[in-house]
Each structure stands twice: as structure tokens, then as C-alpha cells.
């Protein structure tokens, strides 16, 4: 009787573990699929943005009657956007370093 109960409990645990494994595998497949779709949309968006930036640069070149000023202006705009995007994280890192320095000085 105990042997039968033991086998039944063992089989229940095995089935339960297999169910959890299958659920985890399904969630990982869904996550992987979402990541692939997000990368695809990111690629399409980046390609579209690249072509729009080239169009803007060529339009500025026509307006300014130049071969390079439009590209220079668009490049400077991208560098400014990069600086604006990176600056808040840099400020926090600098603040953390300064505060760590003063906190360690007191001890």
C-alpha cells in the first residue's frame, strides 16, 4: 500500500515538474518571439530614420547651395541629441562618485 502511494506521489511530482518545465519553455518562446519582432521593428525604424536624415541633409544642401553643410548640420543635431541623452546618466555617475568620496572621508 505504501509502495503504491509512494509511486503515485513520485509520478505526481514528475508530472508537476514537467508541467512547470513546459510552461517555462512556452514563456521563453513567447519572450524570444517578442524580442525578434522588436528587433525587426527597431531595424525598420532605424532604416527609415536613416533615409529621412539623408533626405533632410540633401534638402539642406539644396537650400544652402552646398555639398556638405546639410550633412554637417544633421550630424551636429545627432551629436547634440546624443549629448542630451547621455548627460543625465553622466550627472548621476558624477554625483555618486562625489558623494562616495565625501562619505568615505568622514569615516
PDB file of N, CA and C in Angstrom:
ATOM      1  N   UNK A   1       0.813  -1.181   0.000  1.00  0.00           N
ATOM      2  CA  UNK A   1       0.000   0.000   0.000  1.00  0.00           C
ATOM      3  C   UNK A   1       0.871   1.266   0.000  1.00  0.00           C
ATOM      4  N   UNK A   2       1.899   1.291   0.881  1.00  0.00           N
ATOM      5  CA  UNK A   2       2.779   2.457   0.922  1.00  0.00           C
ATOM      6  C   UNK A   2       3.598   2.569  -0.358  1.00  0.00           C
ATOM      7  N   UNK A   3       3.935   1.428  -0.925  1.00  0.00           N
ATOM      8  CA  UNK A   3       4.680   1.439  -2.186  1.00  0.00           C
ATOM      9  C   UNK A   3       3.832   2.069  -3.292  1.00  0.00           C
ATOM     10  N   UNK A   4       2.575   1.740  -3.332  1.00  0.00           N
ATOM     11  CA  UNK A   4       1.666   2.309  -4.316  1.00  0.00           C
ATOM     12  C   UNK A   4       1.504   3.814  -4.100  1.00  0.00           C
ATOM     13  N   UNK A   5       1.385   4.229  -2.858  1.00  0.00           N
ATOM     14  CA  UNK A   5       1.273   5.643  -2.531  1.00  0.00           C
ATOM     15  C   UNK A   5       2.553   6.382  -2.910  1.00  0.00           C
ATOM     16  N   UNK A   6       3.688   5.761  -2.633  1.00  0.00           N
ATOM     17  CA  UNK A   6       4.982   6.342  -2.987  1.00  0.00           C
ATOM     18  C   UNK A   6       5.092   6.514  -4.506  1.00  0.00           C
ATOM     19  N   UNK A   7       4.721   5.502  -5.275  1.00  0.00           N
ATOM     20  CA  UNK A   7       4.788   5.573  -6.736  1.00  0.00           C
ATOM     21  C   UNK A   7       3.838   6.650  -7.265  1.00  0.00           C
ATOM     22  N   UNK A   8       2.676   6.735  -6.689  1.00  0.00           N
ATOM     23  CA  UNK A   8       1.698   7.732  -7.106  1.00  0.00           C
ATOM     24  C   UNK A   8       2.197   9.147  -6.818  1.00  0.00           C
ATOM     25  N   UNK A   9       2.764   9.346  -5.637  1.00  0.00           N
ATOM     26  CA  UNK A   9       3.308  10.649  -5.274  1.00  0.00           C
ATOM     27  C   UNK A   9       4.493  11.010  -6.163  1.00  0.00           C
ATOM     28  N   UNK A  10       5.333  10.039  -6.423  1.00  0.00           N
ATOM     29  CA  UNK A  10       6.502  10.261  -7.287  1.00  0.00           C
ATOM     30  C   UNK A  10       6.051  10.643  -8.698  1.00  0.00           C
ATOM     31  N   UNK A  11       5.073   9.939  -9.219  1.00  0.00           N
ATOM     32  CA  UNK A  11       4.558  10.243 -10.556  1.00  0.00           C
ATOM     33  C   UNK A  11       3.917  11.625 -10.581  1.00  0.00           C
ATOM     34  N   UNK A  12       3.203  11.993  -9.526  1.00  0.00           N
ATOM     35  CA  UNK A  12       2.590  13.318  -9.438  1.00  0.00           C
ATOM     36  C   UNK A  12       3.658  14.404  -9.486  1.00  0.00           C
ATOM     37  N   UNK A  13       4.734  14.221  -8.742  1.00  0.00           N
ATOM     38  CA  UNK A  13       5.813  15.214  -8.715  1.00  0.00           C
ATOM     39  C   UNK A  13       6.478  15.311 -10.081  1.00  0.00           C
ATOM     40  N   UNK A  14       6.697  14.176 -10.738  1.00  0.00           N
ATOM     41  CA  UNK A  14       7.305  14.190 -12.067  1.00  0.00           C
ATOM     42  C   UNK A  14       6.425  14.927 -13.072  1.00  0.00           C
ATOM     43  N   UNK A  15       5.137  14.658 -13.035  1.00  0.00           N
ATOM     44  CA  UNK A  15       4.210  15.320 -13.957  1.00  0.00           C
ATOM     45  C   UNK A  15       4.152  16.814 -13.660  1.00  0.00           C
ATOM     46  N   UNK A  16       4.142  17.156 -12.393  1.00  0.00           N
ATOM     47  CA  UNK A  16       4.103  18.576 -11.996  1.00  0.00           C
ATOM     48  C   UNK A  16       5.360  19.306 -12.470  1.00  0.00           C
ATOM     49  N   UNK A  17       6.529  18.683 -12.305  1.00  0.00           N
ATOM     50  CA  UNK A  17       7.774  19.293 -12.770  1.00  0.00           C
ATOM     51  C   UNK A  17       7.783  19.439 -14.289  1.00  0.00           C
ATOM     52  N   UNK A  18       7.259  18.442 -14.984  1.00  0.00           N
ATOM     53  CA  UNK A  18       7.192  18.513 -16.436  1.00  0.00           C
ATOM     54  C   UNK A  18       6.249  19.637 -16.875  1.00  0.00           C
ATOM     55  N   UNK A  19       5.147  19.808 -16.163  1.00  0.00           N
ATOM     56  CA  UNK A  19       4.211  20.885 -16.468  1.00  0.00           C
ATOM     57  C   UNK A  19       4.873  22.247 -16.272  1.00  0.00           C
ATOM     58  N   UNK A  20       5.588  22.405 -15.179  1.00  0.00           N
ATOM     59  CA  UNK A  20       6.290  23.666 -14.917  1.00  0.00           C
ATOM     60  C   UNK A  20       7.343  23.912 -15.989  1.00  0.00           C
ATOM     61  N   UNK A  21       8.055  22.865 -16.379  1.00  0.00           N
ATOM     62  CA  UNK A  21       9.072  22.987 -17.421  1.00  0.00           C
ATOM     63  C   UNK A  21       8.438  23.413 -18.748  1.00  0.00           C
ATOM     64  N   UNK A  22       7.308  22.822 -19.094  1.00  0.00           N
ATOM     65  CA  UNK A  22       6.616  23.189 -20.333  1.00  0.00           C
ATOM     66  C   UNK A  22       6.110  24.627 -20.294  1.00  0.00           C
ATOM     67  N   UNK A  23       5.592  25.049 -19.145  1.00  0.00           N
ATOM     68  CA  UNK A  23       5.120  26.425 -19.016  1.00  0.00           C
ATOM     69  C   UNK A  23       6.279  27.408 -19.157  1.00  0.00           C
ATOM     70  N   UNK A  24       7.403  27.090 -18.539  1.00  0.00           N
ATOM     71  CA  UNK A  24       8.579  27.944 -18.639  1.00  0.00           C
ATOM     72  C   UNK A  24       9.080  28.003 -20.076  1.00  0.00           C
ATOM     73  N   UNK A  25       9.078  26.865 -20.745  1.00  0.00           N
ATOM     74  CA  UNK A  25       9.512  26.821 -22.134  1.00  0.00           C
ATOM     75  C   UNK A  25       8.585  27.661 -23.018  1.00  0.00           C
ATOM     76  N   UNK A  26       7.292  27.583 -22.792  1.00  0.00           N
ATOM     77  CA  UNK A  26       6.342  28.400 -23.555  1.00  0.00           C
ATOM     78  C   UNK A  26       6.583  29.889 -23.323  1.00  0.00           C
ATOM     79  N   UNK A  27       6.820  30.271 -22.086  1.00  0.00           N
ATOM     80  CA  UNK A  27       7.085  31.677 -21.782  1.00  0.00           C
ATOM     81  C   UNK A  27       8.374  32.144 -22.440  1.00  0.00           C
ATOM     82  N   UNK A  28       9.393  31.296 -22.448  1.00  0.00           N
ATOM     83  CA  UNK A  28      10.647  31.662 -23.103  1.00  0.00           C
ATOM     84  C   UNK A  28      10.463  31.809 -24.606  1.00  0.00           C
ATOM     85  N   UNK A  29       9.679  30.925 -25.221  1.00  0.00           N
ATOM     86  CA  UNK A  29       9.393  31.051 -26.647  1.00  0.00           C
ATOM     87  C   UNK A  29       8.663  32.356 -26.943  1.00  0.00           C
ATOM     88  N   UNK A  30       7.700  32.708 -26.103  1.00  0.00           N
ATOM     89  CA  UNK A  30       6.968  33.960 -26.298  1.00  0.00           C
ATOM     90  C   UNK A  30       7.897  35.160 -26.155  1.00  0.00           C
ATOM     91  N   UNK A  31       8.765  35.127 -25.154  1.00  0.00           N
ATOM     92  CA  UNK A  31       9.715  36.212 -24.949  1.00  0.00           C
ATOM     93  C   UNK A  31      10.665  36.328 -26.129  1.00  0.00           C
ATOM     94  N   UNK A  32      11.155  35.197 -26.617  1.00  0.00           N
ATOM     95  CA  UNK A  32      12.057  35.187 -27.761  1.00  0.00           C
ATOM     96  C   UNK A  32      11.357  35.744 -28.998  1.00  0.00           C
ATOM     97  N   UNK A  33      10.125  35.352 -29.216  1.00  0.00           N
ATOM     98  CA  UNK A  33       9.364  35.848 -30.363  1.00  0.00           C
ATOM     99  C   UNK A  33       9.148  37.353 -30.265  1.00  0.00           C
ATOM    100  N   UNK A  34       8.808  37.837 -29.081  1.00  0.00           N
ATOM    101  CA  UNK A  34       8.618  39.278 -28.893  1.00  0.00           C
ATOM    102  C   UNK A  34       9.923  40.033 -29.125  1.00  0.00           C
ATOM    103  N   UNK A  35      11.047  39.463 -28.685  1.00  0.00           N
ATOM    104  CA  UNK A  35      12.342  40.111 -28.890  1.00  0.00           C
ATOM    105  C   UNK A  35      12.684  40.184 -30.376  1.00  0.00           C
ATOM    106  N   UNK A  36      12.420  39.115 -31.113  1.00  0.00           N
ATOM    107  CA  UNK A  36      12.691  39.112 -32.554  1.00  0.00           C
ATOM    108  C   UNK A  36      11.826  40.154 -33.260  1.00  0.00           C
ATOM    109  N   UNK A  37      10.557  40.226 -32.895  1.00  0.00           N
ATOM    110  CA  UNK A  37       9.660  41.213 -33.511  1.00  0.00           C
ATOM    111  C   UNK A  37      10.116  42.630 -33.167  1.00  0.00           C
ATOM    112  N   UNK A  38      10.521  42.859 -31.918  1.00  0.00           N
ATOM    113  CA  UNK A  38      11.000  44.186 -31.514  1.00  0.00           C
ATOM    114  C   UNK A  38      12.264  44.558 -32.281  1.00  0.00           C
ATOM    115  N   UNK A  39      13.176  43.611 -32.461  1.00  0.00           N
ATOM    116  CA  UNK A  39      14.391  43.889 -33.234  1.00  0.00           C
ATOM    117  C   UNK A  39      14.061  44.201 -34.687  1.00  0.00           C
ATOM    118  N   UNK A  40      13.088  43.495 -35.244  1.00  0.00           N
ATOM    119  CA  UNK A  40      12.671  43.755 -36.617  1.00  0.00           C
ATOM    120  C   UNK A  40      12.138  45.179 -36.752  1.00  0.00           C
ATOM    121  N   UNK A  41      11.244  45.586 -35.821  1.00  0.00           N
ATOM    122  CA  UNK A  41      10.689  46.937 -35.875  1.00  0.00           C
ATOM    123  C   UNK A  41      11.763  47.987 -35.623  1.00  0.00           C
ATOM    124  N   UNK A  42      12.702  47.678 -34.746  1.00  0.00           N
ATOM    125  CA  UNK A  42      13.806  48.604 -34.491  1.00  0.00           C
ATOM    126  C   UNK A  42      14.651  48.789 -35.745  1.00  0.00           C
ATOM    127  N   UNK A  43      14.913  47.692 -36.450  1.00  0.00           N
ATOM    128  CA  UNK A  43      15.674  47.776 -37.694  1.00  0.00           C
ATOM    129  C   UNK A  43      14.932  48.613 -38.729  1.00  0.00           C
ATOM    130  N   UNK A  44      13.633  48.357 -38.901  1.00  0.00           N
ATOM    131  CA  UNK A  44      12.852  49.133 -39.869  1.00  0.00           C
ATOM    132  C   UNK A  44      12.802  50.612 -39.492  1.00  0.00           C
ATOM    133  N   UNK A  45      12.607  50.881 -38.213  1.00  0.00           N
ATOM    134  CA  UNK A  45      12.582  52.269 -37.761  1.00  0.00           C
ATOM    135  C   UNK A  45      13.917  52.964 -37.959  1.00  0.00           C
ATOM    136  N   UNK A  46      15.001  52.258 -37.682  1.00  0.00           N
ATOM    137  CA  UNK A  46      16.334  52.832 -37.867  1.00  0.00           C
ATOM    138  C   UNK A  46      16.610  53.105 -39.339  1.00  0.00           C
ATOM    139  N   UNK A  47      16.224  52.171 -40.203  1.00  0.00           N
ATOM    140  CA  UNK A  47      16.419  52.374 -41.639  1.00  0.00           C
ATOM    141  C   UNK A  47      15.596  53.565 -42.123  1.00  0.00           C
ATOM    142  N   UNK A  48      14.360  53.670 -41.666  1.00  0.00           N
ATOM    143  CA  UNK A  48      13.527  54.804 -42.046  1.00  0.00           C
ATOM    144  C   UNK A  48      14.109  56.120 -41.564  1.00  0.00           C
ATOM    145  N   UNK A  49      14.580  56.135 -40.322  1.00  0.00           N
ATOM    146  CA  UNK A  49      15.193  57.348 -39.777  1.00  0.00           C
ATOM    147  C   UNK A  49      16.454  57.718 -40.546  1.00  0.00           C
ATOM    148  N   UNK A  50      17.233  56.727 -40.922  1.00  0.00           N
ATOM    149  CA  UNK A  50      18.450  56.982 -41.692  1.00  0.00           C
ATOM    150  C   UNK A  50      18.117  57.647 -43.025  1.00  0.00           C
ATOM    151  N   UNK A  51      17.124  57.117 -43.735  1.00  0.00           N
ATOM    152  CA  UNK A  51      16.756  57.700 -45.024  1.00  0.00           C
ATOM    153  C   UNK A  51      16.154  59.093 -44.865  1.00  0.00           C
ATOM    154  N   UNK A  52      15.384  59.299 -43.802  1.00  0.00           N
ATOM    155  CA  UNK A  52      14.841  60.642 -43.560  1.00  0.00           C
ATOM    156  C   UNK A  52      15.956  61.646 -43.261  1.00  0.00           C
ATOM    157  N   UNK A  53      16.968  61.201 -42.534  1.00  0.00           N
ATOM    158  CA  UNK A  53      18.094  62.091 -42.231  1.00  0.00           C
ATOM    159  C   UNK A  53      18.887  62.424 -43.487  1.00  0.00           C
ATOM    160  N   UNK A  54      19.069  61.426 -44.363  1.00  0.00           N
ATOM    161  CA  UNK A  54      19.731  61.708 -45.640  1.00  0.00           C
ATOM    162  C   UNK A  54      18.906  62.695 -46.468  1.00  0.00           C
ATOM    163  N   UNK A  55      17.585  62.507 -46.473  1.00  0.00           N
ATOM    164  CA  UNK A  55      16.719  63.418 -47.218  1.00  0.00           C
ATOM    165  C   UNK A  55      16.818  64.833 -46.653  1.00  0.00           C
ATOM    166  N   UNK A  56      16.828  64.949 -45.322  1.00  0.00           N
ATOM    167  CA  UNK A  56      16.969  66.262 -44.694  1.00  0.00           C
ATOM    168  C   UNK A  56      18.312  66.888 -45.045  1.00  0.00           C
ATOM    169  N   UNK A  57      19.375  66.094 -45.006  1.00  0.00           N
ATOM    170  CA  UNK A  57      20.702  66.616 -45.324  1.00  0.00           C
ATOM    171  C   UNK A  57      20.763  67.091 -46.775  1.00  0.00           C
ATOM    172  N   UNK A  58      20.219  66.303 -47.699  1.00  0.00           N
ATOM    173  CA  UNK A  58      20.223  66.718 -49.105  1.00  0.00           C
ATOM    174  C   UNK A  58      19.355  67.955 -49.319  1.00  0.00           C
ATOM    175  N   UNK A  59      18.225  68.040 -48.608  1.00  0.00           N
ATOM    176  CA  UNK A  59      17.365  69.220 -48.726  1.00  0.00           C
ATOM    177  C   UNK A  59      18.089  70.462 -48.207  1.00  0.00           C
ATOM    178  N   UNK A  60      18.774  70.324 -47.085  1.00  0.00           N
ATOM    179  CA  UNK A  60      19.544  71.457 -46.559  1.00  0.00           C
ATOM    180  C   UNK A  60      20.673  71.836 -47.509  1.00  0.00           C
ATOM    181  N   UNK A  61      21.287  70.850 -48.141  1.00  0.00           N
ATOM    182  CA  UNK A  61      22.334  71.148 -49.124  1.00  0.00           C
ATOM    183  C   UNK A  61      21.769  71.962 -50.284  1.00  0.00           C
ATOM    184  N   UNK A  62      20.575  71.604 -50.741  1.00  0.00           N
ATOM    185  CA  UNK A  62      19.945  72.356 -51.833  1.00  0.00           C
ATOM    186  C   UNK A  62      19.615  73.778 -51.395  1.00  0.00           C
ATOM    187  N   UNK A  63      19.071  73.911 -50.182  1.00  0.00           N
ATOM    188  CA  UNK A  63      18.699  75.241 -49.684  1.00  0.00           C
ATOM    189  C   UNK A  63      19.935  76.108 -49.493  1.00  0.00           C
ATOM    190  N   UNK A  64      20.998  75.527 -48.934  1.00  0.00           N
ATOM    191  CA  UNK A  64      22.220  76.281 -48.644  1.00  0.00           C
ATOM    192  C   UNK A  64      23.172  76.335 -49.833  1.00  0.00           C
ATOM    193  N   UNK A  65      22.796  75.684 -50.926  1.00  0.00           N
ATOM    194  CA  UNK A  65      23.625  75.619 -52.132  1.00  0.00           C
ATOM    195  C   UNK A  65      25.041  75.177 -51.788  1.00  0.00           C
ATOM    196  N   UNK A  66      25.126  74.038 -51.112  1.00  0.00           N
ATOM    197  CA  UNK A  66      26.405  73.498 -50.668  1.00  0.00           C
ATOM    198  C   UNK A  66      26.381  71.983 -50.844  1.00  0.00           C
ATOM    199  N   UNK A  67      27.576  71.395 -50.794  1.00  0.00           N
ATOM    200  CA  UNK A  67      27.673  69.939 -50.893  1.00  0.00           C
ATOM    201  C   UNK A  67      27.830  69.272 -49.525  1.00  0.00           C
ATOM    202  N   UNK A  68      28.111  70.056 -48.480  1.00  0.00           N
ATOM    203  CA  UNK A  68      28.402  69.426 -47.190  1.00  0.00           C
ATOM    204  C   UNK A  68      27.691  70.052 -46.000  1.00  0.00           C
ATOM    205  N   UNK A  69      27.201  71.292 -46.102  1.00  0.00           N
ATOM    206  CA  UNK A  69      26.621  71.948 -44.934  1.00  0.00           C
ATOM    207  C   UNK A  69      25.400  71.209 -44.391  1.00  0.00           C
ATOM    208  N   UNK A  70      24.599  70.659 -45.248  1.00  0.00           N
ATOM    209  CA  UNK A  70      23.419  69.919 -44.798  1.00  0.00           C
ATOM    210  C   UNK A  70      23.802  68.703 -43.970  1.00  0.00           C
ATOM    211  N   UNK A  71      24.816  67.968 -44.453  1.00  0.00           N
ATOM    212  CA  UNK A  71      25.278  66.797 -43.701  1.00  0.00           C
ATOM    213  C   UNK A  71      25.912  67.214 -42.376  1.00  0.00           C
ATOM    214  N   UNK A  72      26.630  68.323 -42.389  1.00  0.00           N
ATOM    215  CA  UNK A  72      27.246  68.816 -41.162  1.00  0.00           C
ATOM    216  C   UNK A  72      26.179  69.214 -40.140  1.00  0.00           C
ATOM    217  N   UNK A  73      25.153  69.899 -40.587  1.00  0.00           N
ATOM    218  CA  UNK A  73      24.078  70.323 -39.677  1.00  0.00           C
ATOM    219  C   UNK A  73      23.352  69.112 -39.099  1.00  0.00           C
ATOM    220  N   UNK A  74      23.027  68.134 -39.940  1.00  0.00           N
ATOM    221  CA  UNK A  74      22.343  66.925 -39.460  1.00  0.00           C
ATOM    222  C   UNK A  74      23.243  66.159 -38.495  1.00  0.00           C
ATOM    223  N   UNK A  75      24.532  66.069 -38.804  1.00  0.00           N
ATOM    224  CA  UNK A  75      25.475  65.395 -37.903  1.00  0.00           C
ATOM    225  C   UNK A  75      25.568  66.085 -36.555  1.00  0.00           C
ATOM    226  N   UNK A  76      25.614  67.410 -36.566  1.00  0.00           N
ATOM    227  CA  UNK A  76      25.665  68.165 -35.310  1.00  0.00           C
ATOM    228  C   UNK A  76      24.379  67.957 -34.507  1.00  0.00           C
ATOM    229  N   UNK A  77      23.239  67.907 -35.191  1.00  0.00           N
ATOM    230  CA  UNK A  77      21.976  67.641 -34.489  1.00  0.00           C
ATOM    231  C   UNK A  77      22.008  66.281 -33.793  1.00  0.00           C
ATOM    232  N   UNK A  78      22.551  65.272 -34.486  1.00  0.00           N
ATOM    233  CA  UNK A  78      22.640  63.948 -33.866  1.00  0.00           C
ATOM    234  C   UNK A  78      23.604  63.946 -32.684  1.00  0.00           C
ATOM    235  N   UNK A  79      24.704  64.650 -32.797  1.00  0.00           N
ATOM    236  CA  UNK A  79      25.656  64.721 -31.680  1.00  0.00           C
ATOM    237  C   UNK A  79      25.016  65.431 -30.487  1.00  0.00           C
ATOM    238  N   UNK A  80      24.263  66.499 -30.737  1.00  0.00           N
ATOM    239  CA  UNK A  80      23.565  67.189 -29.647  1.00  0.00           C
ATOM    240  C   UNK A  80      22.530  66.287 -28.984  1.00  0.00           C
ATOM    241  N   UNK A  81      21.786  65.517 -29.795  1.00  0.00           N
ATOM    242  CA  UNK A  81      20.812  64.587 -29.210  1.00  0.00           C
ATOM    243  C   UNK A  81      21.511  63.519 -28.379  1.00  0.00           C
ATOM    244  N   UNK A  82      22.668  63.057 -28.838  1.00  0.00           N
ATOM    245  CA  UNK A  82      23.433  62.067 -28.079  1.00  0.00           C
ATOM    246  C   UNK A  82      23.904  62.647 -26.752  1.00  0.00           C
ATOM    247  N   UNK A  83      24.401  63.865 -26.777  1.00  0.00           N
ATOM    248  CA  UNK A  83      24.866  64.510 -25.544  1.00  0.00           C
ATOM    249  C   UNK A  83      23.703  64.697 -24.573  1.00  0.00           C
ATOM    250  N   UNK A  84      22.559  65.125 -25.085  1.00  0.00           N
ATOM    251  CA  UNK A  84      21.387  65.311 -24.227  1.00  0.00           C
ATOM    252  C   UNK A  84      20.929  63.981 -23.641  1.00  0.00           C
ATOM    253  N   UNK A  85      21.026  62.911 -24.420  1.00  0.00           N
ATOM    254  CA  UNK A  85      20.598  61.594 -23.932  1.00  0.00           C
ATOM    255  C   UNK A  85      21.564  61.031 -22.900  1.00  0.00           C
ATOM    256  N   UNK A  86      22.855  61.302 -23.048  1.00  0.00           N
ATOM    257  CA  UNK A  86      23.866  60.721 -22.164  1.00  0.00           C
ATOM    258  C   UNK A  86      24.092  61.582 -20.929  1.00  0.00           C
ATOM    259  N   UNK A  87      23.858  62.858 -21.029  1.00  0.00           N
ATOM    260  CA  UNK A  87      24.169  63.782 -19.942  1.00  0.00           C
ATOM    261  C   UNK A  87      23.502  63.441 -18.611  1.00  0.00           C
ATOM    262  N   UNK A  88      22.211  63.126 -18.552  1.00  0.00           N
ATOM    263  CA  UNK A  88      21.613  62.816 -17.244  1.00  0.00           C
ATOM    264  C   UNK A  88      22.270  61.619 -16.550  1.00  0.00           C
ATOM    265  N   UNK A  89      22.660  60.596 -17.299  1.00  0.00           N
ATOM    266  CA  UNK A  89      23.318  59.455 -16.663  1.00  0.00           C
ATOM    267  C   UNK A  89      24.713  59.835 -16.199  1.00  0.00           C
ATOM    268  N   UNK A  90      25.385  60.698 -16.958  1.00  0.00           N
ATOM    269  CA  UNK A  90      26.718  61.131 -16.548  1.00  0.00           C
ATOM    270  C   UNK A  90      26.641  61.954 -15.273  1.00  0.00           C
ATOM    271  N   UNK A  91      25.626  62.813 -15.184  1.00  0.00           N
ATOM    272  CA  UNK A  91      25.457  63.624 -13.985  1.00  0.00           C
ATOM    273  C   UNK A  91      25.263  62.749 -12.757  1.00  0.00           C
ATOM    274  N   UNK A  92      24.477  61.720 -12.888  1.00  0.00           N
ATOM    275  CA  UNK A  92      24.219  60.827 -11.759  1.00  0.00           C
ATOM    276  C   UNK A  92      25.499  60.101 -11.362  1.00  0.00           C
ATOM    277  N   UNK A  93      26.279  59.644 -12.334  1.00  0.00           N
ATOM    278  CA  UNK A  93      27.530  58.966 -12.017  1.00  0.00           C
ATOM    279  C   UNK A  93      28.494  59.904 -11.310  1.00  0.00           C
ATOM    280  N   UNK A  94      28.580  61.149 -11.790  1.00  0.00           N
ATOM    281  CA  UNK A  94      29.467  62.125 -11.154  1.00  0.00           C
ATOM    282  C   UNK A  94      28.989  62.401  -9.736  1.00  0.00           C
ATOM    283  N   UNK A  95      27.681  62.579  -9.550  1.00  0.00           N
ATOM    284  CA  UNK A  95      27.126  62.820  -8.222  1.00  0.00           C
ATOM    285  C   UNK A  95      27.430  61.653  -7.293  1.00  0.00           C
ATOM    286  N   UNK A  96      27.266  60.417  -7.794  1.00  0.00           N
ATOM    287  CA  UNK A  96      27.555  59.234  -6.970  1.00  0.00           C
ATOM    288  C   UNK A  96      29.024  59.183  -6.576  1.00  0.00           C
ATOM    289  N   UNK A  97      29.927  59.507  -7.489  1.00  0.00           N
ATOM    290  CA  UNK A  97      31.359  59.483  -7.179  1.00  0.00           C
ATOM    291  C   UNK A  97      31.711  60.536  -6.131  1.00  0.00           C
ATOM    292  N   UNK A  98      31.164  61.739  -6.298  1.00  0.00           N
ATOM    293  CA  UNK A  98      31.455  62.812  -5.345  1.00  0.00           C
ATOM    294  C   UNK A  98      30.886  62.469  -3.973  1.00  0.00           C
ATOM    295  N   UNK A  99      29.654  61.973  -3.925  1.00  0.00           N
ATOM    296  CA  UNK A  99      29.062  61.632  -2.627  1.00  0.00           C
ATOM    297  C   UNK A  99      29.805  60.471  -1.975  1.00  0.00           C
ATOM    298  N   UNK A 100      30.234  59.482  -2.745  1.00  0.00           N
ATOM    299  CA  UNK A 100      31.025  58.382  -2.184  1.00  0.00           C
ATOM    300  C   UNK A 100      32.346  58.889  -1.623  1.00  0.00           C
ATOM    301  N   UNK A 101      32.954  59.860  -2.307  1.00  0.00           N
ATOM    302  CA  UNK A 101      34.229  60.416  -1.847  1.00  0.00           C
ATOM    303  C   UNK A 101      34.050  61.104  -0.493  1.00  0.00           C
ATOM    304  N   UNK A 102      33.005  61.926  -0.362  1.00  0.00           N
ATOM    305  CA  UNK A 102      32.798  62.644   0.891  1.00  0.00           C
ATOM    306  C   UNK A 102      32.331  61.726   2.010  1.00  0.00           C
ATOM    307  N   UNK A 103      31.554  60.721   1.689  1.00  0.00           N
ATOM    308  CA  UNK A 103      31.110  59.775   2.715  1.00  0.00           C
ATOM    309  C   UNK A 103      32.291  58.972   3.235  1.00  0.00           C
ATOM    310  N   UNK A 104      33.184  58.556   2.345  1.00  0.00           N
ATOM    311  CA  UNK A 104      34.341  57.774   2.788  1.00  0.00           C
ATOM    312  C   UNK A 104      35.340  58.644   3.548  1.00  0.00           C
ATOM    313  N   UNK A 105      35.378  59.950   3.302  1.00  0.00           N
ATOM    314  CA  UNK A 105      36.279  60.859   4.014  1.00  0.00           C
ATOM    315  C   UNK A 105      35.899  60.985   5.483  1.00  0.00           C
ATOM    316  N   UNK A 106      34.592  60.945   5.782  1.00  0.00           N
ATOM    317  CA  UNK A 106      34.135  61.125   7.154  1.00  0.00           C
ATOM    318  C   UNK A 106      34.538  59.956   8.031  1.00  0.00           C
ATOM    319  N   UNK A 107      34.668  58.781   7.456  1.00  0.00           N
ATOM    320  CA  UNK A 107      34.970  57.597   8.260  1.00  0.00           C
ATOM    321  C   UNK A 107      36.414  57.425   8.349  1.00  0.00           C
TER     322      UNK A 107
END
